[in-house]
Amino acid sequence: MVAPEVHWTWSLVRRADEVRPAVLAVVDALDGVGDLGLHGPQAWLPAGDPYRR
């Protein structure tokens, strides 16, 4: 057993019609930083997540 890794994909952070300034600021700050380990060997995403490979 290993320590779990929690990952929030964009589908949980931002919606297409997002208007909250704080959420939009996070999206802007993280734009272009890569997948942040989302596709690493220890990362788990639910089967239906649109960002799962």
PDB file of N, CA and C in Angstrom:
ATOM      1  N   MET A   1       0.851  -1.168   0.000  1.00  0.00           N
ATOM      2  CA  MET A   1       0.000   0.000   0.000  1.00  0.00           C
ATOM      3  C   MET A   1       0.901   1.236   0.000  1.00  0.00           C
ATOM      4  N   VAL A   2       0.487   2.231  -0.724  1.00  0.00           N
ATOM      5  CA  VAL A   2       1.217   3.495  -0.809  1.00  0.00           C
ATOM      6  C   VAL A   2       0.296   4.622  -0.374  1.00  0.00           C
ATOM      7  N   ALA A   3       0.890   5.758  -0.090  1.00  0.00           N
ATOM      8  CA  ALA A   3       0.091   6.936   0.275  1.00  0.00           C
ATOM      9  C   ALA A   3      -0.755   7.345  -0.930  1.00  0.00           C
ATOM     10  N   PRO A   4      -2.029   7.627  -0.724  1.00  0.00           N
ATOM     11  CA  PRO A   4      -2.874   8.018  -1.861  1.00  0.00           C
ATOM     12  C   PRO A   4      -2.487   9.391  -2.397  1.00  0.00           C
ATOM     13  N   GLU A   5      -2.709   9.579  -3.675  1.00  0.00           N
ATOM     14  CA  GLU A   5      -2.485  10.865  -4.320  1.00  0.00           C
ATOM     15  C   GLU A   5      -3.843  11.387  -4.774  1.00  0.00           C
ATOM     16  N   VAL A   6      -4.181  12.575  -4.343  1.00  0.00           N
ATOM     17  CA  VAL A   6      -5.460  13.172  -4.717  1.00  0.00           C
ATOM     18  C   VAL A   6      -5.247  14.087  -5.914  1.00  0.00           C
ATOM     19  N   HIS A   7      -6.052  13.920  -6.930  1.00  0.00           N
ATOM     20  CA  HIS A   7      -5.965  14.735  -8.141  1.00  0.00           C
ATOM     21  C   HIS A   7      -7.348  15.278  -8.469  1.00  0.00           C
ATOM     22  N   TRP A   8      -7.401  16.566  -8.746  1.00  0.00           N
ATOM     23  CA  TRP A   8      -8.647  17.203  -9.181  1.00  0.00           C
ATOM     24  C   TRP A   8      -8.463  17.576 -10.639  1.00  0.00           C
ATOM     25  N   THR A   9      -9.250  16.994 -11.499  1.00  0.00           N
ATOM     26  CA  THR A   9      -9.128  17.332 -12.913  1.00  0.00           C
ATOM     27  C   THR A   9      -9.923  18.599 -13.202  1.00  0.00           C
ATOM     28  N   TRP A  10      -9.677  19.174 -14.351  1.00  0.00           N
ATOM     29  CA  TRP A  10     -10.347  20.427 -14.710  1.00  0.00           C
ATOM     30  C   TRP A  10     -11.855  20.292 -14.664  1.00  0.00           C
ATOM     31  N   SER A  11     -12.369  19.090 -14.937  1.00  0.00           N
ATOM     32  CA  SER A  11     -13.824  18.918 -14.918  1.00  0.00           C
ATOM     33  C   SER A  11     -14.407  19.123 -13.529  1.00  0.00           C
ATOM     34  N   LEU A  12     -13.587  19.023 -12.487  1.00  0.00           N
ATOM     35  CA  LEU A  12     -14.059  19.275 -11.128  1.00  0.00           C
ATOM     36  C   LEU A  12     -13.751  20.692 -10.660  1.00  0.00           C
ATOM     37  N   VAL A  13     -12.816  21.343 -11.298  1.00  0.00           N
ATOM     38  CA  VAL A  13     -12.396  22.681 -10.878  1.00  0.00           C
ATOM     39  C   VAL A  13     -13.173  23.759 -11.613  1.00  0.00           C
ATOM     40  N   ARG A  14     -13.351  23.583 -12.899  1.00  0.00           N
ATOM     41  CA  ARG A  14     -13.917  24.648 -13.732  1.00  0.00           C
ATOM     42  C   ARG A  14     -15.020  24.108 -14.633  1.00  0.00           C
ATOM     43  N   ARG A  15     -16.062  24.869 -14.763  1.00  0.00           N
ATOM     44  CA  ARG A  15     -17.139  24.533 -15.687  1.00  0.00           C
ATOM     45  C   ARG A  15     -17.069  25.478 -16.893  1.00  0.00           C
ATOM     46  N   ALA A  16     -17.652  25.067 -17.976  1.00  0.00           N
ATOM     47  CA  ALA A  16     -17.595  25.859 -19.208  1.00  0.00           C
ATOM     48  C   ALA A  16     -18.152  27.265 -19.015  1.00  0.00           C
ATOM     49  N   ASP A  17     -19.157  27.405 -18.146  1.00  0.00           N
ATOM     50  CA  ASP A  17     -19.774  28.716 -17.935  1.00  0.00           C
ATOM     51  C   ASP A  17     -19.324  29.362 -16.616  1.00  0.00           C
ATOM     52  N   GLU A  18     -18.118  29.029 -16.163  1.00  0.00           N
ATOM     53  CA  GLU A  18     -17.592  29.527 -14.886  1.00  0.00           C
ATOM     54  C   GLU A  18     -17.507  31.054 -14.874  1.00  0.00           C
ATOM     55  N   VAL A  19     -17.967  31.672 -13.779  1.00  0.00           N
ATOM     56  CA  VAL A  19     -17.905  33.127 -13.653  1.00  0.00           C
ATOM     57  C   VAL A  19     -17.254  33.571 -12.339  1.00  0.00           C
ATOM     58  N   ARG A  20     -16.999  32.638 -11.426  1.00  0.00           N
ATOM     59  CA  ARG A  20     -16.416  33.016 -10.135  1.00  0.00           C
ATOM     60  C   ARG A  20     -14.971  33.487 -10.328  1.00  0.00           C
ATOM     61  N   PRO A  21     -14.666  34.721  -9.916  1.00  0.00           N
ATOM     62  CA  PRO A  21     -13.321  35.268 -10.110  1.00  0.00           C
ATOM     63  C   PRO A  21     -12.208  34.421  -9.484  1.00  0.00           C
ATOM     64  N   ALA A  22     -12.440  33.843  -8.318  1.00  0.00           N
ATOM     65  CA  ALA A  22     -11.404  33.043  -7.664  1.00  0.00           C
ATOM     66  C   ALA A  22     -11.072  31.794  -8.483  1.00  0.00           C
ATOM     67  N   VAL A  23     -12.088  31.158  -9.025  1.00  0.00           N
ATOM     68  CA  VAL A  23     -11.859  29.959  -9.839  1.00  0.00           C
ATOM     69  C   VAL A  23     -11.151  30.333 -11.139  1.00  0.00           C
ATOM     70  N   LEU A  24     -11.570  31.408 -11.768  1.00  0.00           N
ATOM     71  CA  LEU A  24     -10.926  31.858 -12.999  1.00  0.00           C
ATOM     72  C   LEU A  24      -9.476  32.245 -12.750  1.00  0.00           C
ATOM     73  N   ALA A  25      -9.163  32.793 -11.582  1.00  0.00           N
ATOM     74  CA  ALA A  25      -7.783  33.149 -11.247  1.00  0.00           C
ATOM     75  C   ALA A  25      -6.921  31.897 -11.094  1.00  0.00           C
ATOM     76  N   VAL A  26      -7.475  30.846 -10.494  1.00  0.00           N
ATOM     77  CA  VAL A  26      -6.737  29.584 -10.368  1.00  0.00           C
ATOM     78  C   VAL A  26      -6.462  28.999 -11.744  1.00  0.00           C
ATOM     79  N   VAL A  27      -7.453  28.997 -12.610  1.00  0.00           N
ATOM     80  CA  VAL A  27      -7.276  28.477 -13.962  1.00  0.00           C
ATOM     81  C   VAL A  27      -6.176  29.247 -14.681  1.00  0.00           C
ATOM     82  N   ASP A  28      -6.189  30.559 -14.573  1.00  0.00           N
ATOM     83  CA  ASP A  28      -5.149  31.382 -15.206  1.00  0.00           C
ATOM     84  C   ASP A  28      -3.774  31.081 -14.627  1.00  0.00           C
ATOM     85  N   ALA A  29      -3.692  30.906 -13.311  1.00  0.00           N
ATOM     86  CA  ALA A  29      -2.403  30.656 -12.664  1.00  0.00           C
ATOM     87  C   ALA A  29      -1.827  29.297 -13.058  1.00  0.00           C
ATOM     88  N   LEU A  30      -2.680  28.320 -13.290  1.00  0.00           N
ATOM     89  CA  LEU A  30      -2.205  26.971 -13.614  1.00  0.00           C
ATOM     90  C   LEU A  30      -2.089  26.705 -15.113  1.00  0.00           C
ATOM     91  N   ASP A  31      -2.482  27.645 -15.926  1.00  0.00           N
ATOM     92  CA  ASP A  31      -2.429  27.458 -17.370  1.00  0.00           C
ATOM     93  C   ASP A  31      -1.000  27.189 -17.828  1.00  0.00           C
ATOM     94  N   GLY A  32      -0.797  26.068 -18.482  1.00  0.00           N
ATOM     95  CA  GLY A  32       0.503  25.753 -19.055  1.00  0.00           C
ATOM     96  C   GLY A  32       1.511  25.106 -18.125  1.00  0.00           C
ATOM     97  N   VAL A  33       1.131  24.740 -16.909  1.00  0.00           N
ATOM     98  CA  VAL A  33       2.104  24.151 -15.980  1.00  0.00           C
ATOM     99  C   VAL A  33       2.248  22.638 -16.149  1.00  0.00           C
ATOM    100  N   GLY A  34       1.522  22.037 -17.046  1.00  0.00           N
ATOM    101  CA  GLY A  34       1.615  20.599 -17.266  1.00  0.00           C
ATOM    102  C   GLY A  34       0.496  19.859 -16.566  1.00  0.00           C
ATOM    103  N   ASP A  35       0.621  18.529 -16.514  1.00  0.00           N
ATOM    104  CA  ASP A  35      -0.467  17.731 -15.951  1.00  0.00           C
ATOM    105  C   ASP A  35      -0.366  17.555 -14.436  1.00  0.00           C
ATOM    106  N   LEU A  36       0.688  18.100 -13.813  1.00  0.00           N
ATOM    107  CA  LEU A  36       0.858  18.070 -12.357  1.00  0.00           C
ATOM    108  C   LEU A  36       0.763  16.654 -11.777  1.00  0.00           C
ATOM    109  N   GLY A  37       1.239  15.672 -12.538  1.00  0.00           N
ATOM    110  CA  GLY A  37       1.238  14.294 -12.076  1.00  0.00           C
ATOM    111  C   GLY A  37      -0.039  13.531 -12.342  1.00  0.00           C
ATOM    112  N   LEU A  38      -0.974  14.143 -13.019  1.00  0.00           N
ATOM    113  CA  LEU A  38      -2.270  13.532 -13.266  1.00  0.00           C
ATOM    114  C   LEU A  38      -2.163  12.202 -14.005  1.00  0.00           C
ATOM    115  N   HIS A  39      -1.174  12.069 -14.869  1.00  0.00           N
ATOM    116  CA  HIS A  39      -1.024  10.844 -15.661  1.00  0.00           C
ATOM    117  C   HIS A  39       0.138   9.986 -15.168  1.00  0.00           C
ATOM    118  N   GLY A  40       0.604  10.247 -13.951  1.00  0.00           N
ATOM    119  CA  GLY A  40       1.684   9.461 -13.369  1.00  0.00           C
ATOM    120  C   GLY A  40       1.235   8.052 -13.025  1.00  0.00           C
ATOM    121  N   PRO A  41       2.175   7.162 -12.772  1.00  0.00           N
ATOM    122  CA  PRO A  41       1.829   5.759 -12.507  1.00  0.00           C
ATOM    123  C   PRO A  41       1.032   5.537 -11.224  1.00  0.00           C
ATOM    124  N   GLN A  42       1.117   6.428 -10.255  1.00  0.00           N
ATOM    125  CA  GLN A  42       0.392   6.269  -8.998  1.00  0.00           C
ATOM    126  C   GLN A  42      -0.943   7.006  -8.978  1.00  0.00           C
ATOM    127  N   ALA A  43      -1.221   7.785 -10.015  1.00  0.00           N
ATOM    128  CA  ALA A  43      -2.462   8.566 -10.049  1.00  0.00           C
ATOM    129  C   ALA A  43      -3.639   7.676 -10.432  1.00  0.00           C
ATOM    130  N   TRP A  44      -4.768   7.914  -9.805  1.00  0.00           N
ATOM    131  CA  TRP A  44      -5.998   7.187 -10.120  1.00  0.00           C
ATOM    132  C   TRP A  44      -7.088   8.187 -10.422  1.00  0.00           C
ATOM    133  N   LEU A  45      -7.793   7.947 -11.501  1.00  0.00           N
ATOM    134  CA  LEU A  45      -8.953   8.754 -11.865  1.00  0.00           C
ATOM    135  C   LEU A  45     -10.129   7.816 -12.112  1.00  0.00           C
ATOM    136  N   PRO A  46     -11.345   8.233 -11.798  1.00  0.00           N
ATOM    137  CA  PRO A  46     -12.505   7.386 -12.058  1.00  0.00           C
ATOM    138  C   PRO A  46     -12.630   7.065 -13.550  1.00  0.00           C
ATOM    139  N   ALA A  47     -13.223   5.939 -13.842  1.00  0.00           N
ATOM    140  CA  ALA A  47     -13.349   5.473 -15.233  1.00  0.00           C
ATOM    141  C   ALA A  47     -14.023   6.492 -16.144  1.00  0.00           C
ATOM    142  N   GLY A  48     -14.986   7.251 -15.649  1.00  0.00           N
ATOM    143  CA  GLY A  48     -15.718   8.199 -16.478  1.00  0.00           C
ATOM    144  C   GLY A  48     -15.100   9.580 -16.582  1.00  0.00           C
ATOM    145  N   ASP A  49     -13.950   9.811 -15.957  1.00  0.00           N
ATOM    146  CA  ASP A  49     -13.346  11.148 -15.984  1.00  0.00           C
ATOM    147  C   ASP A  49     -12.839  11.463 -17.391  1.00  0.00           C
ATOM    148  N   PRO A  50     -13.200  12.630 -17.945  1.00  0.00           N
ATOM    149  CA  PRO A  50     -12.795  12.957 -19.314  1.00  0.00           C
ATOM    150  C   PRO A  50     -11.285  13.152 -19.472  1.00  0.00           C
ATOM    151  N   TYR A  51     -10.533  13.273 -18.384  1.00  0.00           N
ATOM    152  CA  TYR A  51      -9.085  13.467 -18.480  1.00  0.00           C
ATOM    153  C   TYR A  51      -8.304  12.172 -18.271  1.00  0.00           C
ATOM    154  N   ARG A  52      -8.995  11.085 -18.045  1.00  0.00           N
ATOM    155  CA  ARG A  52      -8.335   9.806 -17.871  1.00  0.00           C
ATOM    156  C   ARG A  52      -7.837   9.312 -19.232  1.00  0.00           C
ATOM    157  N   ARG A  53      -6.615   8.781 -19.227  1.00  0.00           N
ATOM    158  CA  ARG A  53      -6.044   8.226 -20.466  1.00  0.00           C
ATOM    159  C   ARG A  53      -6.257   6.751 -20.515  1.00  0.00           C
TER     160      ARG A  53
END
